């Protein structure tokens, strides 16, 4: 190998994804808030249309981690958090839908796009919830989120509905779409795995 080839190899970005199971460090929380602000400014995801106050954003992410009914997944590029997604677990009182989870707010900051992180994050989420004994992921999102729609449709999510007045952006109704993906059949789920989720 030439030194030029080694230099190019060494400079290749390193994308990773993970389930957050411990409180975020101050640096990680700042990175997550930065990435969130950049994604909101670019029009991607969340219910936010306008940037919230930074303290509110920090409390939001700390709250996500504090809620047992939510799982936070993050994407990193060269160890810097650049994206995230949440899984909302079913409530214990909803036995009929106890095998379903809701995917919410998957985003990658604009500076980190083009590295395959959205697909990598989605794949990791699917594998994680499958191991935890869930069978279905449900998603709803604004119809204007074209990149997200392309990602979900290209990975096997099926559109099951459309809401013409799903959200309001700049004083106008925006349509929304509803998707689902079956990750595994019920007979493939180990009852012990399910019992450990209780």
Protein backbone atom coordinates (compact mmCIF):
# COMPACT_ATOMS: atom_id res chain seq x y z
CA UNK A 1 0.00 0.00 0.00
CA UNK A 2 1.13 3.48 -0.75
CA UNK A 3 1.22 6.15 1.94
CA UNK A 4 -1.51 8.02 0.03
CA UNK A 5 -3.77 4.95 0.18
CA UNK A 6 -3.09 4.53 3.90
CA UNK A 7 -3.88 8.19 4.51
CA UNK A 8 -7.20 7.91 2.62
CA UNK A 9 -8.11 4.76 4.55
CA UNK A 10 -7.29 6.42 7.88
CA UNK A 11 -9.53 9.38 7.06
CA UNK A 12 -12.61 7.29 6.25
CA UNK A 13 -15.46 8.20 8.65
CA UNK A 14 -16.48 5.55 11.19
CA UNK A 15 -20.29 5.22 11.51
CA UNK A 16 -21.69 3.37 14.54
CA UNK A 17 -25.10 2.91 16.18
CA UNK A 18 -26.07 1.90 19.71
CA UNK A 19 -28.85 1.58 22.25
CA UNK A 20 -28.29 4.10 25.05
CA UNK A 21 -28.49 2.24 28.36
CA UNK A 22 -26.69 4.70 30.65
CA UNK A 23 -27.13 8.46 31.20
CA UNK A 24 -25.47 10.51 28.48
CA UNK A 25 -22.25 12.32 29.28
CA UNK A 26 -22.38 16.11 29.05
CA UNK A 27 -20.48 15.92 25.75
CA UNK A 28 -22.87 13.32 24.30
CA UNK A 29 -25.91 15.31 25.45
CA UNK A 30 -24.49 18.42 23.77
CA UNK A 31 -23.79 16.47 20.57
CA UNK A 32 -27.33 15.04 20.60
CA UNK A 33 -28.85 18.49 21.12
CA UNK A 34 -26.66 19.95 18.34
CA UNK A 35 -27.71 17.17 15.95
CA UNK A 36 -31.36 17.63 16.92
CA UNK A 37 -31.22 21.38 16.30
CA UNK A 38 -29.59 20.84 12.90
CA UNK A 39 -32.20 18.25 11.90
CA UNK A 40 -35.10 20.46 12.99
CA UNK A 41 -33.61 23.42 11.07
CA UNK A 42 -33.38 21.19 7.98
CA UNK A 43 -37.08 20.26 8.36
CA UNK A 44 -36.55 16.67 9.45
CA UNK A 45 -38.62 14.77 11.92
CA UNK A 46 -39.96 15.51 15.32
CA UNK A 47 -43.06 17.44 16.20
CA UNK A 48 -40.93 20.55 16.42
CA UNK A 49 -41.04 22.93 13.52
CA UNK A 50 -39.14 25.76 15.20
CA UNK A 51 -36.06 25.30 17.35
CA UNK A 52 -36.90 24.90 21.01
CA UNK A 53 -34.91 26.55 23.79
CA UNK A 54 -31.67 24.58 24.42
CA UNK A 55 -32.61 23.88 28.06
CA UNK A 56 -35.92 22.40 26.92
CA UNK A 57 -34.11 20.23 24.40
CA UNK A 58 -31.69 18.95 27.03
CA UNK A 59 -34.55 18.15 29.40
CA UNK A 60 -36.42 16.43 26.58
CA UNK A 61 -33.57 14.00 25.90
CA UNK A 62 -32.93 13.42 29.60
CA UNK A 63 -36.65 12.68 29.96
CA UNK A 64 -36.54 10.16 27.13
CA UNK A 65 -33.80 8.29 28.96
CA UNK A 66 -35.71 8.44 32.24
CA UNK A 67 -38.86 6.86 30.79
CA UNK A 68 -38.91 3.06 31.04
CA UNK A 69 -41.39 2.92 28.15
CA UNK A 70 -38.86 4.42 25.71
CA UNK A 71 -35.64 3.15 24.20
CA UNK A 72 -33.17 5.70 22.83
CA UNK A 73 -30.90 4.72 19.97
CA UNK A 74 -28.14 6.99 18.69
CA UNK A 75 -25.99 7.13 15.58
CA UNK A 76 -22.40 8.33 15.75
CA UNK A 77 -19.94 9.42 13.12
CA UNK A 78 -16.36 9.32 14.39
CA UNK A 79 -17.76 8.92 17.91
CA UNK A 80 -19.86 12.12 17.70
CA UNK A 81 -23.61 11.67 18.10
CA UNK A 82 -25.20 12.78 14.84
CA UNK A 83 -28.63 11.19 14.96
CA UNK A 84 -31.15 9.31 17.03
CA UNK A 85 -34.42 7.42 17.14
CA UNK A 86 -36.80 6.31 19.83
CA UNK A 87 -38.80 3.15 20.29
CA UNK A 88 -41.97 3.58 22.31
CA UNK A 89 -42.84 0.35 24.07
CA UNK A 90 -46.46 -0.78 24.59
CA UNK A 91 -48.04 -0.11 27.97
CA UNK A 92 -48.55 -3.13 30.21
CA UNK A 93 -52.30 -2.52 30.16
CA UNK A 94 -52.41 -2.94 26.37
CA UNK A 95 -52.08 -6.71 26.15
CA UNK A 96 -53.67 -6.87 22.70
CA UNK A 97 -50.84 -4.79 21.23
CA UNK A 98 -48.05 -6.02 23.49
CA UNK A 99 -46.05 -7.26 20.50
CA UNK A 100 -46.06 -3.87 18.75
CA UNK A 101 -43.66 -0.97 19.19
CA UNK A 102 -43.73 2.55 17.75
CA UNK A 103 -40.67 4.04 16.04
CA UNK A 104 -40.46 7.78 16.56
CA UNK A 105 -38.21 10.60 15.46
CA UNK A 106 -35.49 8.82 13.49
CA UNK A 107 -33.11 11.48 12.19
CA UNK A 108 -29.55 12.03 11.05
CA UNK A 109 -28.03 15.51 11.23
CA UNK A 110 -27.41 17.01 7.77
CA UNK A 111 -23.61 17.04 8.22
CA UNK A 112 -23.55 13.25 8.72
CA UNK A 113 -25.88 12.21 5.91
CA UNK A 114 -24.64 10.11 3.02
CA UNK A 115 -22.81 7.61 5.26
CA UNK A 116 -25.61 5.01 5.39
CA UNK A 117 -26.38 5.84 9.01
CA UNK A 118 -30.19 5.99 8.67
CA UNK A 119 -30.33 2.48 7.26
CA UNK A 120 -27.74 1.23 9.75
CA UNK A 121 -29.68 2.75 12.66
CA UNK A 122 -33.00 1.34 11.43
CA UNK A 123 -31.47 -2.12 10.95
CA UNK A 124 -30.00 -2.06 14.47
CA UNK A 125 -33.34 -0.98 15.95
CA UNK A 126 -35.15 -3.80 14.14
CA UNK A 127 -32.65 -6.40 15.37
CA UNK A 128 -32.80 -5.07 18.93
CA UNK A 129 -36.60 -5.07 19.22
CA UNK A 130 -36.74 -8.50 17.57
CA UNK A 131 -34.37 -9.87 20.23
CA UNK A 132 -36.55 -8.25 22.88
CA UNK A 133 -39.52 -10.29 21.62
CA UNK A 134 -41.50 -7.75 19.61
CA UNK A 135 -43.08 -8.59 16.26
CA UNK A 136 -44.27 -5.31 14.72
CA UNK A 137 -42.87 -1.79 14.29
CA UNK A 138 -45.37 0.98 13.56
CA UNK A 139 -44.38 4.37 12.16
CA UNK A 140 -46.23 7.57 11.37
CA UNK A 141 -44.69 10.64 9.75
CA UNK A 142 -45.39 13.75 7.71
CA UNK A 143 -45.75 13.19 3.99
CA UNK A 144 -43.18 15.94 3.37
CA UNK A 145 -40.42 13.77 4.88
CA UNK A 146 -39.50 12.24 1.54
CA UNK A 147 -36.10 10.80 2.52
CA UNK A 148 -37.62 9.01 5.51
CA UNK A 149 -40.47 7.65 3.39
CA UNK A 150 -37.95 6.36 0.84
CA UNK A 151 -35.93 4.69 3.63
CA UNK A 152 -38.95 2.96 5.17
CA UNK A 153 -40.43 1.82 1.87
CA UNK A 154 -37.06 0.52 0.64
CA UNK A 155 -36.65 -1.56 3.80
CA UNK A 156 -40.01 -3.32 3.63
CA UNK A 157 -42.37 -1.06 5.57
CA UNK A 158 -45.90 -1.17 4.19
CA UNK A 159 -48.06 1.93 4.05
CA UNK A 160 -51.38 1.20 5.71
CA UNK A 161 -52.98 4.60 5.79
CA UNK A 162 -52.92 8.29 5.07
CA UNK A 163 -54.23 11.15 7.19
CA UNK A 164 -54.95 14.30 5.13
CA UNK A 165 -54.66 16.65 8.14
CA UNK A 166 -51.91 14.90 10.09
CA UNK A 167 -49.93 17.99 11.14
CA UNK A 168 -49.87 21.77 10.81
CA UNK A 169 -46.75 23.42 9.39
CA UNK A 170 -46.65 27.17 8.74
CA UNK A 171 -50.41 27.42 9.20
CA UNK A 172 -51.20 24.71 6.64
CA UNK A 173 -52.36 21.12 7.10
CA UNK A 174 -49.81 18.53 6.01
CA UNK A 175 -50.80 14.96 5.22
CA UNK A 176 -49.25 12.05 7.09
CA UNK A 177 -48.60 8.41 6.38
CA UNK A 178 -48.81 5.31 8.55
CA UNK A 179 -46.53 2.31 8.05
CA UNK A 180 -45.83 -1.03 9.69
CA UNK A 181 -43.34 -3.84 9.32
CA UNK A 182 -43.67 -7.35 10.69
CA UNK A 183 -40.26 -8.39 12.00
CA UNK A 184 -41.11 -11.94 13.03
CA UNK A 185 -44.07 -14.24 13.44
CA UNK A 186 -45.48 -14.81 16.90
CA UNK A 187 -44.44 -18.47 16.93
CA UNK A 188 -40.77 -17.40 16.66
CA UNK A 189 -40.89 -15.43 19.91
CA UNK A 190 -39.53 -17.14 23.00
CA UNK A 191 -41.97 -16.68 25.94
CA UNK A 192 -38.94 -16.29 28.26
CA UNK A 193 -37.75 -13.30 26.22
CA UNK A 194 -41.20 -11.76 26.58
CA UNK A 195 -41.30 -12.45 30.32
CA UNK A 196 -37.99 -10.62 30.75
CA UNK A 197 -39.50 -7.49 29.17
CA UNK A 198 -42.20 -7.22 31.87
